[in-house]
Amino acid sequence: MKAIIQAVFTHLQGIIDVNNQPILKRIDLYNNQFDTYEKDHPLPLPAVFVEIMPIAWARIKRGVQMGKVNIRFHLGQELYSDSFHGSPSQSRALEVLDLVQKLYLALQNYQIPDCSPFERVQTTTDTQYGNCIVHILEYTFEYNDSTKAIQEDSQYIKVTPDLEPHIEE
């Protein structure tokens, strides 16, 4: 799972603005950061926090399991403008949706080794954080975990060094 998270973090750093600068100011594992966002730790926004949901595993063969993974991306952005019809700042307020679309484009069909392509299954919005709006994009993919098989296979390769002196006649 660590390799998947590292690959996702690296991939998300590739979301750039028109000046080829990374848009996301923080990418991290999800740990309810938005619940403490104003109190304890000011967050640089926009930020994405990655959450792995419970995984259902099935045995494929000895040492190999297939997991159906749901992964959530919590995208937090500042929202200080009004989006109601007729608002002079409506266009600016709706810009938060541009980054949601960029995140979707970056993740839809994204594929990591030993995994099927990411497929979006759900999008929700969480607005309980004052001037921070959080869009949650959920994707699913299958992960073929063969690390145990590799470990077991390597146990069968035993090399015994020959420490006996050889005398040639």
N, C-alpha and C. Protein backbone atom coordinates (compact mmCIF):
# COMPACT_ATOMS: atom_id res chain seq x y z
N MET A 1 0.82 -1.20 0.00
CA MET A 1 0.00 0.00 0.00
C MET A 1 0.87 1.27 0.00
N LYS A 2 2.02 1.18 0.64
CA LYS A 2 2.91 2.34 0.70
C LYS A 2 3.31 2.80 -0.70
N ALA A 3 3.63 1.85 -1.58
CA ALA A 3 4.03 2.20 -2.95
C ALA A 3 2.89 2.89 -3.70
N ILE A 4 1.66 2.45 -3.45
CA ILE A 4 0.50 3.08 -4.09
C ILE A 4 0.37 4.52 -3.63
N ILE A 5 0.44 4.74 -2.33
CA ILE A 5 0.31 6.10 -1.78
C ILE A 5 1.42 7.00 -2.32
N GLN A 6 2.65 6.50 -2.35
CA GLN A 6 3.76 7.31 -2.87
C GLN A 6 3.55 7.66 -4.34
N ALA A 7 3.06 6.70 -5.12
CA ALA A 7 2.80 6.97 -6.54
C ALA A 7 1.70 8.01 -6.71
N VAL A 8 0.65 7.90 -5.91
CA VAL A 8 -0.46 8.86 -5.98
C VAL A 8 0.04 10.26 -5.59
N PHE A 9 0.81 10.37 -4.52
CA PHE A 9 1.33 11.68 -4.09
C PHE A 9 2.15 12.31 -5.22
N THR A 10 3.03 11.53 -5.82
CA THR A 10 3.86 12.04 -6.91
C THR A 10 3.00 12.47 -8.10
N HIS A 11 2.00 11.67 -8.41
CA HIS A 11 1.11 11.99 -9.53
C HIS A 11 0.36 13.30 -9.27
N LEU A 12 -0.12 13.49 -8.05
CA LEU A 12 -0.88 14.70 -7.71
C LEU A 12 -0.01 15.96 -7.76
N GLN A 13 1.28 15.81 -7.50
CA GLN A 13 2.18 16.97 -7.60
C GLN A 13 2.27 17.48 -9.03
N GLY A 14 1.87 16.66 -9.99
CA GLY A 14 1.89 17.05 -11.40
C GLY A 14 0.71 17.91 -11.83
N ILE A 15 -0.22 18.19 -10.93
CA ILE A 15 -1.33 19.09 -11.27
C ILE A 15 -0.79 20.51 -11.15
N ILE A 16 -0.67 21.16 -12.30
CA ILE A 16 0.00 22.46 -12.33
C ILE A 16 -0.92 23.56 -12.87
N ASP A 17 -0.52 24.80 -12.61
CA ASP A 17 -1.28 25.95 -13.11
C ASP A 17 -0.70 26.39 -14.46
N VAL A 18 -1.18 27.52 -14.95
CA VAL A 18 -0.74 28.00 -16.27
C VAL A 18 0.74 28.39 -16.29
N ASN A 19 1.33 28.62 -15.11
CA ASN A 19 2.75 28.97 -15.01
C ASN A 19 3.61 27.76 -14.69
N ASN A 20 3.04 26.56 -14.89
CA ASN A 20 3.73 25.30 -14.60
C ASN A 20 4.16 25.15 -13.15
N GLN A 21 3.39 25.74 -12.25
CA GLN A 21 3.63 25.62 -10.81
C GLN A 21 2.61 24.65 -10.22
N PRO A 22 3.03 23.82 -9.25
CA PRO A 22 2.07 22.92 -8.62
C PRO A 22 0.92 23.71 -7.98
N ILE A 23 -0.29 23.24 -8.20
CA ILE A 23 -1.46 23.92 -7.63
C ILE A 23 -1.67 23.53 -6.18
N LEU A 24 -1.46 22.26 -5.87
CA LEU A 24 -1.75 21.76 -4.53
C LEU A 24 -0.62 22.14 -3.57
N LYS A 25 -0.98 22.78 -2.48
CA LYS A 25 0.01 23.24 -1.52
C LYS A 25 0.33 22.19 -0.46
N ARG A 26 -0.56 21.21 -0.30
CA ARG A 26 -0.30 20.12 0.64
C ARG A 26 -0.97 18.86 0.11
N ILE A 27 -0.22 17.75 0.13
CA ILE A 27 -0.74 16.43 -0.22
C ILE A 27 -0.31 15.52 0.92
N ASP A 28 -1.29 14.85 1.53
CA ASP A 28 -0.98 14.05 2.71
C ASP A 28 -2.02 12.96 2.88
N LEU A 29 -1.77 12.05 3.81
CA LEU A 29 -2.78 11.08 4.18
C LEU A 29 -3.89 11.78 4.96
N TYR A 30 -5.10 11.33 4.77
CA TYR A 30 -6.25 11.92 5.44
C TYR A 30 -6.27 11.51 6.92
N ASN A 31 -6.42 12.49 7.79
CA ASN A 31 -6.53 12.25 9.22
C ASN A 31 -7.42 13.31 9.86
N ASN A 32 -8.56 13.55 9.24
CA ASN A 32 -9.53 14.54 9.73
C ASN A 32 -8.93 15.94 9.86
N GLN A 33 -8.01 16.29 8.96
CA GLN A 33 -7.34 17.58 9.05
C GLN A 33 -8.30 18.76 9.01
N PHE A 34 -9.39 18.64 8.29
CA PHE A 34 -10.29 19.79 8.18
C PHE A 34 -11.07 20.03 9.48
N ASP A 35 -11.17 19.02 10.33
CA ASP A 35 -11.84 19.21 11.62
C ASP A 35 -11.03 20.12 12.53
N THR A 36 -9.72 20.14 12.38
CA THR A 36 -8.86 20.97 13.23
C THR A 36 -8.17 22.08 12.43
N TYR A 37 -8.63 22.29 11.22
CA TYR A 37 -7.97 23.18 10.27
C TYR A 37 -7.80 24.61 10.79
N GLU A 38 -8.77 25.18 11.43
CA GLU A 38 -8.63 26.56 11.90
C GLU A 38 -8.08 26.62 13.31
N LYS A 39 -8.34 25.60 14.12
CA LYS A 39 -7.94 25.63 15.52
C LYS A 39 -6.46 25.34 15.74
N ASP A 40 -6.02 24.17 15.31
CA ASP A 40 -4.69 23.70 15.66
C ASP A 40 -3.63 23.99 14.61
N HIS A 41 -3.93 23.63 13.38
CA HIS A 41 -2.93 23.71 12.33
C HIS A 41 -3.50 24.43 11.13
N PRO A 42 -3.03 25.64 10.86
CA PRO A 42 -3.48 26.27 9.63
C PRO A 42 -2.98 25.46 8.44
N LEU A 43 -3.87 25.20 7.53
CA LEU A 43 -3.51 24.40 6.36
C LEU A 43 -3.28 25.31 5.16
N PRO A 44 -2.20 25.06 4.44
CA PRO A 44 -2.06 25.77 3.17
C PRO A 44 -3.04 25.15 2.18
N LEU A 45 -3.84 25.99 1.58
CA LEU A 45 -4.86 25.50 0.64
C LEU A 45 -4.55 26.05 -0.75
N PRO A 46 -4.90 25.33 -1.79
CA PRO A 46 -5.64 24.07 -1.80
C PRO A 46 -4.77 22.89 -1.35
N ALA A 47 -5.46 21.92 -0.75
CA ALA A 47 -4.79 20.73 -0.24
C ALA A 47 -5.62 19.50 -0.58
N VAL A 48 -4.93 18.36 -0.73
CA VAL A 48 -5.61 17.09 -0.95
C VAL A 48 -5.12 16.11 0.11
N PHE A 49 -6.08 15.44 0.73
CA PHE A 49 -5.77 14.41 1.71
C PHE A 49 -6.35 13.10 1.18
N VAL A 50 -5.53 12.06 1.22
CA VAL A 50 -5.86 10.77 0.61
C VAL A 50 -6.27 9.78 1.69
N GLU A 51 -7.42 9.17 1.49
CA GLU A 51 -7.97 8.22 2.46
C GLU A 51 -8.23 6.88 1.79
N ILE A 52 -7.63 5.83 2.33
CA ILE A 52 -7.91 4.48 1.86
C ILE A 52 -9.05 3.92 2.71
N MET A 53 -10.10 3.52 2.03
CA MET A 53 -11.26 2.94 2.71
C MET A 53 -10.97 1.46 3.02
N PRO A 54 -11.80 0.81 3.86
CA PRO A 54 -11.58 -0.62 4.12
C PRO A 54 -11.53 -1.42 2.81
N ILE A 55 -10.61 -2.36 2.77
CA ILE A 55 -10.37 -3.14 1.55
C ILE A 55 -10.90 -4.55 1.72
N ALA A 56 -11.68 -5.02 0.76
CA ALA A 56 -12.14 -6.41 0.73
C ALA A 56 -11.11 -7.23 -0.05
N TRP A 57 -10.54 -8.24 0.59
CA TRP A 57 -9.50 -9.06 -0.03
C TRP A 57 -10.04 -10.42 -0.41
N ALA A 58 -9.56 -10.95 -1.52
CA ALA A 58 -9.91 -12.31 -1.96
C ALA A 58 -8.60 -13.01 -2.36
N ARG A 59 -8.52 -14.28 -1.99
CA ARG A 59 -7.33 -15.07 -2.32
C ARG A 59 -7.39 -15.46 -3.79
N ILE A 60 -6.31 -15.21 -4.51
CA ILE A 60 -6.22 -15.58 -5.92
C ILE A 60 -5.49 -16.91 -6.04
N LYS A 61 -4.36 -17.00 -5.40
CA LYS A 61 -3.59 -18.24 -5.32
C LYS A 61 -2.65 -18.07 -4.13
N ARG A 62 -1.85 -19.08 -3.87
CA ARG A 62 -0.96 -19.04 -2.72
C ARG A 62 -0.10 -17.78 -2.74
N GLY A 63 -0.24 -17.00 -1.69
CA GLY A 63 0.55 -15.79 -1.56
C GLY A 63 0.10 -14.61 -2.37
N VAL A 64 -1.02 -14.74 -3.09
CA VAL A 64 -1.50 -13.63 -3.92
C VAL A 64 -2.95 -13.32 -3.55
N GLN A 65 -3.21 -12.05 -3.29
CA GLN A 65 -4.56 -11.60 -2.99
C GLN A 65 -4.94 -10.44 -3.90
N MET A 66 -6.23 -10.37 -4.21
CA MET A 66 -6.77 -9.25 -4.98
C MET A 66 -7.65 -8.44 -4.03
N GLY A 67 -7.36 -7.15 -3.97
CA GLY A 67 -8.14 -6.26 -3.11
C GLY A 67 -8.93 -5.28 -3.94
N LYS A 68 -10.19 -5.07 -3.56
CA LYS A 68 -11.01 -4.02 -4.18
C LYS A 68 -10.86 -2.78 -3.30
N VAL A 69 -10.19 -1.79 -3.85
CA VAL A 69 -9.81 -0.62 -3.07
C VAL A 69 -10.69 0.57 -3.45
N ASN A 70 -11.21 1.23 -2.44
CA ASN A 70 -11.85 2.53 -2.63
C ASN A 70 -10.94 3.55 -1.96
N ILE A 71 -10.64 4.59 -2.71
CA ILE A 71 -9.73 5.63 -2.23
C ILE A 71 -10.43 6.98 -2.39
N ARG A 72 -10.38 7.76 -1.34
CA ARG A 72 -11.02 9.08 -1.35
C ARG A 72 -9.98 10.18 -1.35
N PHE A 73 -10.27 11.21 -2.12
CA PHE A 73 -9.42 12.38 -2.20
C PHE A 73 -10.23 13.56 -1.65
N HIS A 74 -9.81 14.09 -0.52
CA HIS A 74 -10.47 15.22 0.13
C HIS A 74 -9.76 16.49 -0.33
N LEU A 75 -10.40 17.22 -1.23
CA LEU A 75 -9.81 18.43 -1.81
C LEU A 75 -10.39 19.65 -1.09
N GLY A 76 -9.55 20.34 -0.34
CA GLY A 76 -9.98 21.53 0.39
C GLY A 76 -9.49 22.79 -0.29
N GLN A 77 -10.41 23.76 -0.42
CA GLN A 77 -10.09 25.04 -1.04
C GLN A 77 -10.75 26.16 -0.26
N GLU A 78 -10.14 27.33 -0.29
CA GLU A 78 -10.75 28.51 0.33
C GLU A 78 -11.87 29.01 -0.55
N LEU A 79 -12.93 29.47 0.09
CA LEU A 79 -14.07 30.01 -0.64
C LEU A 79 -14.58 31.25 0.10
N TYR A 80 -14.22 32.41 -0.41
CA TYR A 80 -14.63 33.67 0.21
C TYR A 80 -15.63 34.45 -0.64
N SER A 81 -15.94 33.95 -1.81
CA SER A 81 -16.83 34.66 -2.72
C SER A 81 -18.19 33.99 -2.75
N ASP A 82 -19.22 34.79 -3.12
CA ASP A 82 -20.58 34.25 -3.23
C ASP A 82 -20.81 33.73 -4.65
N SER A 83 -21.52 32.62 -4.73
CA SER A 83 -21.76 32.01 -6.03
C SER A 83 -23.21 32.15 -6.51
N PHE A 84 -24.03 32.88 -5.76
CA PHE A 84 -25.43 33.00 -6.17
C PHE A 84 -25.57 33.76 -7.48
N HIS A 85 -26.65 33.47 -8.21
CA HIS A 85 -26.90 34.12 -9.50
C HIS A 85 -26.98 35.63 -9.32
N GLY A 86 -26.20 36.35 -10.08
CA GLY A 86 -26.19 37.80 -9.99
C GLY A 86 -25.09 38.35 -9.11
N SER A 87 -24.39 37.48 -8.40
CA SER A 87 -23.30 37.94 -7.54
C SER A 87 -22.16 38.45 -8.40
N PRO A 88 -21.59 39.60 -8.06
CA PRO A 88 -20.46 40.10 -8.83
C PRO A 88 -19.23 39.19 -8.72
N SER A 89 -19.20 38.34 -7.70
CA SER A 89 -18.04 37.46 -7.52
C SER A 89 -18.37 36.00 -7.87
N GLN A 90 -19.49 35.81 -8.58
CA GLN A 90 -19.90 34.44 -8.90
C GLN A 90 -18.83 33.68 -9.68
N SER A 91 -18.25 34.30 -10.68
CA SER A 91 -17.25 33.64 -11.50
C SER A 91 -16.07 33.18 -10.64
N ARG A 92 -15.61 34.04 -9.76
CA ARG A 92 -14.50 33.69 -8.86
C ARG A 92 -14.90 32.56 -7.91
N ALA A 93 -16.10 32.61 -7.39
CA ALA A 93 -16.56 31.58 -6.46
C ALA A 93 -16.62 30.21 -7.13
N LEU A 94 -17.02 30.19 -8.38
CA LEU A 94 -17.16 28.92 -9.09
C LEU A 94 -15.83 28.34 -9.57
N GLU A 95 -14.75 29.11 -9.42
CA GLU A 95 -13.43 28.62 -9.81
C GLU A 95 -13.01 27.39 -8.99
N VAL A 96 -13.61 27.19 -7.81
CA VAL A 96 -13.27 26.00 -7.02
C VAL A 96 -13.61 24.73 -7.80
N LEU A 97 -14.60 24.83 -8.68
CA LEU A 97 -14.98 23.66 -9.48
C LEU A 97 -13.96 23.34 -10.56
N ASP A 98 -13.16 24.33 -10.96
CA ASP A 98 -12.11 24.08 -11.95
C ASP A 98 -11.07 23.10 -11.40
N LEU A 99 -10.71 23.26 -10.14
CA LEU A 99 -9.72 22.36 -9.55
C LEU A 99 -10.32 20.98 -9.31
N VAL A 100 -11.59 20.92 -8.99
CA VAL A 100 -12.25 19.61 -8.87
C VAL A 100 -12.15 18.88 -10.21
N GLN A 101 -12.39 19.59 -11.30
CA GLN A 101 -12.29 18.99 -12.63
C GLN A 101 -10.86 18.56 -12.96
N LYS A 102 -9.88 19.38 -12.58
CA LYS A 102 -8.48 19.02 -12.82
C LYS A 102 -8.10 17.76 -12.04
N LEU A 103 -8.59 17.66 -10.82
CA LEU A 103 -8.31 16.47 -10.02
C LEU A 103 -8.95 15.24 -10.66
N TYR A 104 -10.18 15.40 -11.12
CA TYR A 104 -10.85 14.29 -11.82
C TYR A 104 -10.04 13.85 -13.04
N LEU A 105 -9.62 14.81 -13.86
CA LEU A 105 -8.87 14.48 -15.07
C LEU A 105 -7.54 13.80 -14.75
N ALA A 106 -6.93 14.19 -13.65
CA ALA A 106 -5.66 13.59 -13.26
C ALA A 106 -5.83 12.16 -12.75
N LEU A 107 -6.98 11.86 -12.17
CA LEU A 107 -7.15 10.56 -11.52
C LEU A 107 -7.94 9.54 -12.34
N GLN A 108 -8.87 10.00 -13.15
CA GLN A 108 -9.68 9.05 -13.93
C GLN A 108 -8.78 8.26 -14.87
N ASN A 109 -8.84 6.95 -14.79
CA ASN A 109 -8.03 6.02 -15.57
C ASN A 109 -6.55 6.03 -15.21
N TYR A 110 -6.18 6.72 -14.13
CA TYR A 110 -4.79 6.67 -13.66
C TYR A 110 -4.49 5.24 -13.23
N GLN A 111 -3.32 4.74 -13.59
CA GLN A 111 -2.99 3.35 -13.29
C GLN A 111 -1.60 3.23 -12.70
N ILE A 112 -1.51 2.43 -11.66
CA ILE A 112 -0.27 2.14 -10.95
C ILE A 112 0.06 0.67 -11.20
N PRO A 113 1.33 0.29 -11.24
CA PRO A 113 1.65 -1.13 -11.42
C PRO A 113 0.92 -2.01 -10.40
N ASP A 114 0.47 -3.16 -10.85
CA ASP A 114 -0.27 -4.15 -10.06
C ASP A 114 -1.69 -3.69 -9.71
N CYS A 115 -2.16 -2.63 -10.36
CA CYS A 115 -3.50 -2.12 -10.09
C CYS A 115 -4.27 -1.93 -11.40
N SER A 116 -5.59 -2.02 -11.30
CA SER A 116 -6.43 -1.65 -12.43
C SER A 116 -6.55 -0.13 -12.46
N PRO A 117 -7.01 0.46 -13.56
CA PRO A 117 -7.16 1.92 -13.63
C PRO A 117 -8.16 2.44 -12.59
N PHE A 118 -7.89 3.64 -12.10
CA PHE A 118 -8.82 4.30 -11.17
C PHE A 118 -10.10 4.63 -11.91
N GLU A 119 -11.22 4.44 -11.24
CA GLU A 119 -12.51 4.81 -11.81
C GLU A 119 -13.33 5.54 -10.75
N ARG A 120 -13.78 6.75 -11.10
CA ARG A 120 -14.56 7.54 -10.14
C ARG A 120 -15.89 6.88 -9.89
N VAL A 121 -16.27 6.81 -8.61
CA VAL A 121 -17.55 6.20 -8.24
C VAL A 121 -18.47 7.15 -7.49
N GLN A 122 -17.89 8.22 -6.91
CA GLN A 122 -18.75 9.13 -6.13
C GLN A 122 -18.05 10.46 -5.91
N THR A 123 -18.84 11.52 -5.87
CA THR A 123 -18.34 12.84 -5.52
C THR A 123 -19.31 13.48 -4.55
N THR A 124 -18.79 14.03 -3.46
CA THR A 124 -19.64 14.74 -2.49
C THR A 124 -18.95 16.04 -2.11
N THR A 125 -19.71 16.93 -1.50
CA THR A 125 -19.18 18.21 -1.04
C THR A 125 -19.46 18.35 0.45
N ASP A 126 -18.46 18.78 1.18
CA ASP A 126 -18.58 18.99 2.62
C ASP A 126 -18.34 20.48 2.87
N THR A 127 -19.34 21.16 3.41
CA THR A 127 -19.25 22.61 3.57
C THR A 127 -19.30 23.05 5.03
N GLN A 128 -18.92 22.19 5.94
CA GLN A 128 -19.05 22.53 7.36
C GLN A 128 -17.83 23.23 7.96
N TYR A 129 -16.93 23.71 7.12
CA TYR A 129 -15.67 24.26 7.63
C TYR A 129 -15.52 25.75 7.36
N GLY A 130 -16.56 26.51 7.48
CA GLY A 130 -16.48 27.95 7.30
C GLY A 130 -16.14 28.30 5.87
N ASN A 131 -15.02 28.99 5.69
CA ASN A 131 -14.60 29.43 4.35
C ASN A 131 -13.76 28.39 3.63
N CYS A 132 -13.80 27.17 4.09
CA CYS A 132 -13.11 26.07 3.41
C CYS A 132 -14.16 25.11 2.88
N ILE A 133 -14.15 24.89 1.58
CA ILE A 133 -15.07 23.94 0.97
C ILE A 133 -14.27 22.70 0.61
N VAL A 134 -14.83 21.53 0.92
CA VAL A 134 -14.13 20.27 0.69
C VAL A 134 -14.94 19.43 -0.28
N HIS A 135 -14.32 19.10 -1.39
CA HIS A 135 -14.93 18.18 -2.35
C HIS A 135 -14.25 16.82 -2.14
N ILE A 136 -15.05 15.78 -2.04
CA ILE A 136 -14.53 14.44 -1.81
C ILE A 136 -14.80 13.62 -3.07
N LEU A 137 -13.72 13.22 -3.73
CA LEU A 137 -13.82 12.40 -4.93
C LEU A 137 -13.39 10.99 -4.55
N GLU A 138 -14.26 10.02 -4.82
CA GLU A 138 -13.96 8.64 -4.48
C GLU A 138 -13.77 7.82 -5.75
N TYR A 139 -12.69 7.04 -5.75
CA TYR A 139 -12.34 6.19 -6.88
C TYR A 139 -12.24 4.75 -6.40
N THR A 140 -12.35 3.83 -7.34
CA THR A 140 -12.16 2.42 -7.04
C THR A 140 -11.16 1.83 -8.03
N PHE A 141 -10.43 0.82 -7.55
CA PHE A 141 -9.52 0.07 -8.40
C PHE A 141 -9.22 -1.26 -7.72
N GLU A 142 -8.69 -2.18 -8.47
CA GLU A 142 -8.30 -3.47 -7.91
C GLU A 142 -6.78 -3.51 -7.79
N TYR A 143 -6.32 -4.10 -6.68
CA TYR A 143 -4.89 -4.17 -6.39
C TYR A 143 -4.50 -5.63 -6.24
N ASN A 144 -3.53 -6.06 -7.04
CA ASN A 144 -3.03 -7.43 -7.01
C ASN A 144 -1.80 -7.45 -6.11
N ASP A 145 -1.96 -7.92 -4.88
CA ASP A 145 -0.87 -7.94 -3.90
C ASP A 145 -0.20 -9.31 -3.92
N SER A 146 0.97 -9.35 -4.51
CA SER A 146 1.71 -10.61 -4.60
C SER A 146 2.98 -10.57 -3.74
N THR A 147 3.06 -9.66 -2.80
CA THR A 147 4.26 -9.53 -1.99
C THR A 147 4.53 -10.79 -1.16
N LYS A 148 3.50 -11.45 -0.71
CA LYS A 148 3.69 -12.69 0.06
C LYS A 148 4.21 -13.80 -0.85
N ALA A 149 3.72 -13.88 -2.08
CA ALA A 149 4.21 -14.89 -3.02
C ALA A 149 5.68 -14.67 -3.34
N ILE A 150 6.06 -13.42 -3.52
CA ILE A 150 7.46 -13.10 -3.79
C ILE A 150 8.32 -13.51 -2.60
N GLN A 151 7.82 -13.20 -1.42
CA GLN A 151 8.55 -13.57 -0.20
C GLN A 151 8.68 -15.08 -0.09
N GLU A 152 7.60 -15.81 -0.35
CA GLU A 152 7.64 -17.27 -0.26
C GLU A 152 8.55 -17.86 -1.32
N ASP A 153 8.50 -17.32 -2.53
CA ASP A 153 9.37 -17.82 -3.60
C ASP A 153 10.84 -17.63 -3.24
N SER A 154 11.15 -16.49 -2.63
CA SER A 154 12.55 -16.23 -2.30
C SER A 154 13.04 -17.16 -1.20
N GLN A 155 12.15 -17.71 -0.41
CA GLN A 155 12.55 -18.64 0.64
C GLN A 155 13.00 -19.97 0.05
N TYR A 156 12.55 -20.29 -1.16
CA TYR A 156 12.93 -21.55 -1.77
C TYR A 156 14.30 -21.49 -2.44
N ILE A 157 14.79 -20.30 -2.64
CA ILE A 157 16.11 -20.14 -3.26
C ILE A 157 17.11 -20.09 -2.12
N LYS A 158 17.74 -21.21 -1.86
CA LYS A 158 18.71 -21.27 -0.78
C LYS A 158 20.08 -21.54 -1.37
N VAL A 159 20.98 -20.70 -0.99
CA VAL A 159 22.35 -20.86 -1.45
C VAL A 159 23.18 -21.19 -0.22
N THR A 160 23.83 -22.31 -0.27
CA THR A 160 24.70 -22.71 0.83
C THR A 160 26.13 -22.53 0.38
N PRO A 161 26.83 -21.64 1.03
CA PRO A 161 28.21 -21.43 0.61
C PRO A 161 29.06 -22.65 0.91
N ASP A 162 29.96 -22.92 0.03
CA ASP A 162 30.87 -24.04 0.21
C ASP A 162 32.10 -23.51 0.93
N LEU A 163 32.19 -23.78 2.21
CA LEU A 163 33.27 -23.25 3.01
C LEU A 163 34.42 -24.25 3.20
N GLU A 164 34.28 -25.40 2.63
CA GLU A 164 35.33 -26.43 2.74
C GLU A 164 36.45 -26.07 1.78
N PRO A 165 37.68 -26.20 2.27
CA PRO A 165 38.79 -25.91 1.36
C PRO A 165 38.89 -27.00 0.29
N HIS A 166 39.19 -26.60 -0.89
CA HIS A 166 39.36 -27.54 -2.00
C HIS A 166 40.85 -27.66 -2.30
N ILE A 167 41.30 -28.88 -2.34
CA ILE A 167 42.70 -29.13 -2.65
C ILE A 167 42.75 -29.74 -4.03
N GLU A 168 43.42 -29.08 -4.89
CA GLU A 168 43.54 -29.61 -6.24
C GLU A 168 44.75 -30.51 -6.30
N GLU A 169 44.61 -31.62 -6.89
CA GLU A 169 45.71 -32.57 -7.01
C GLU A 169 46.32 -32.56 -8.36
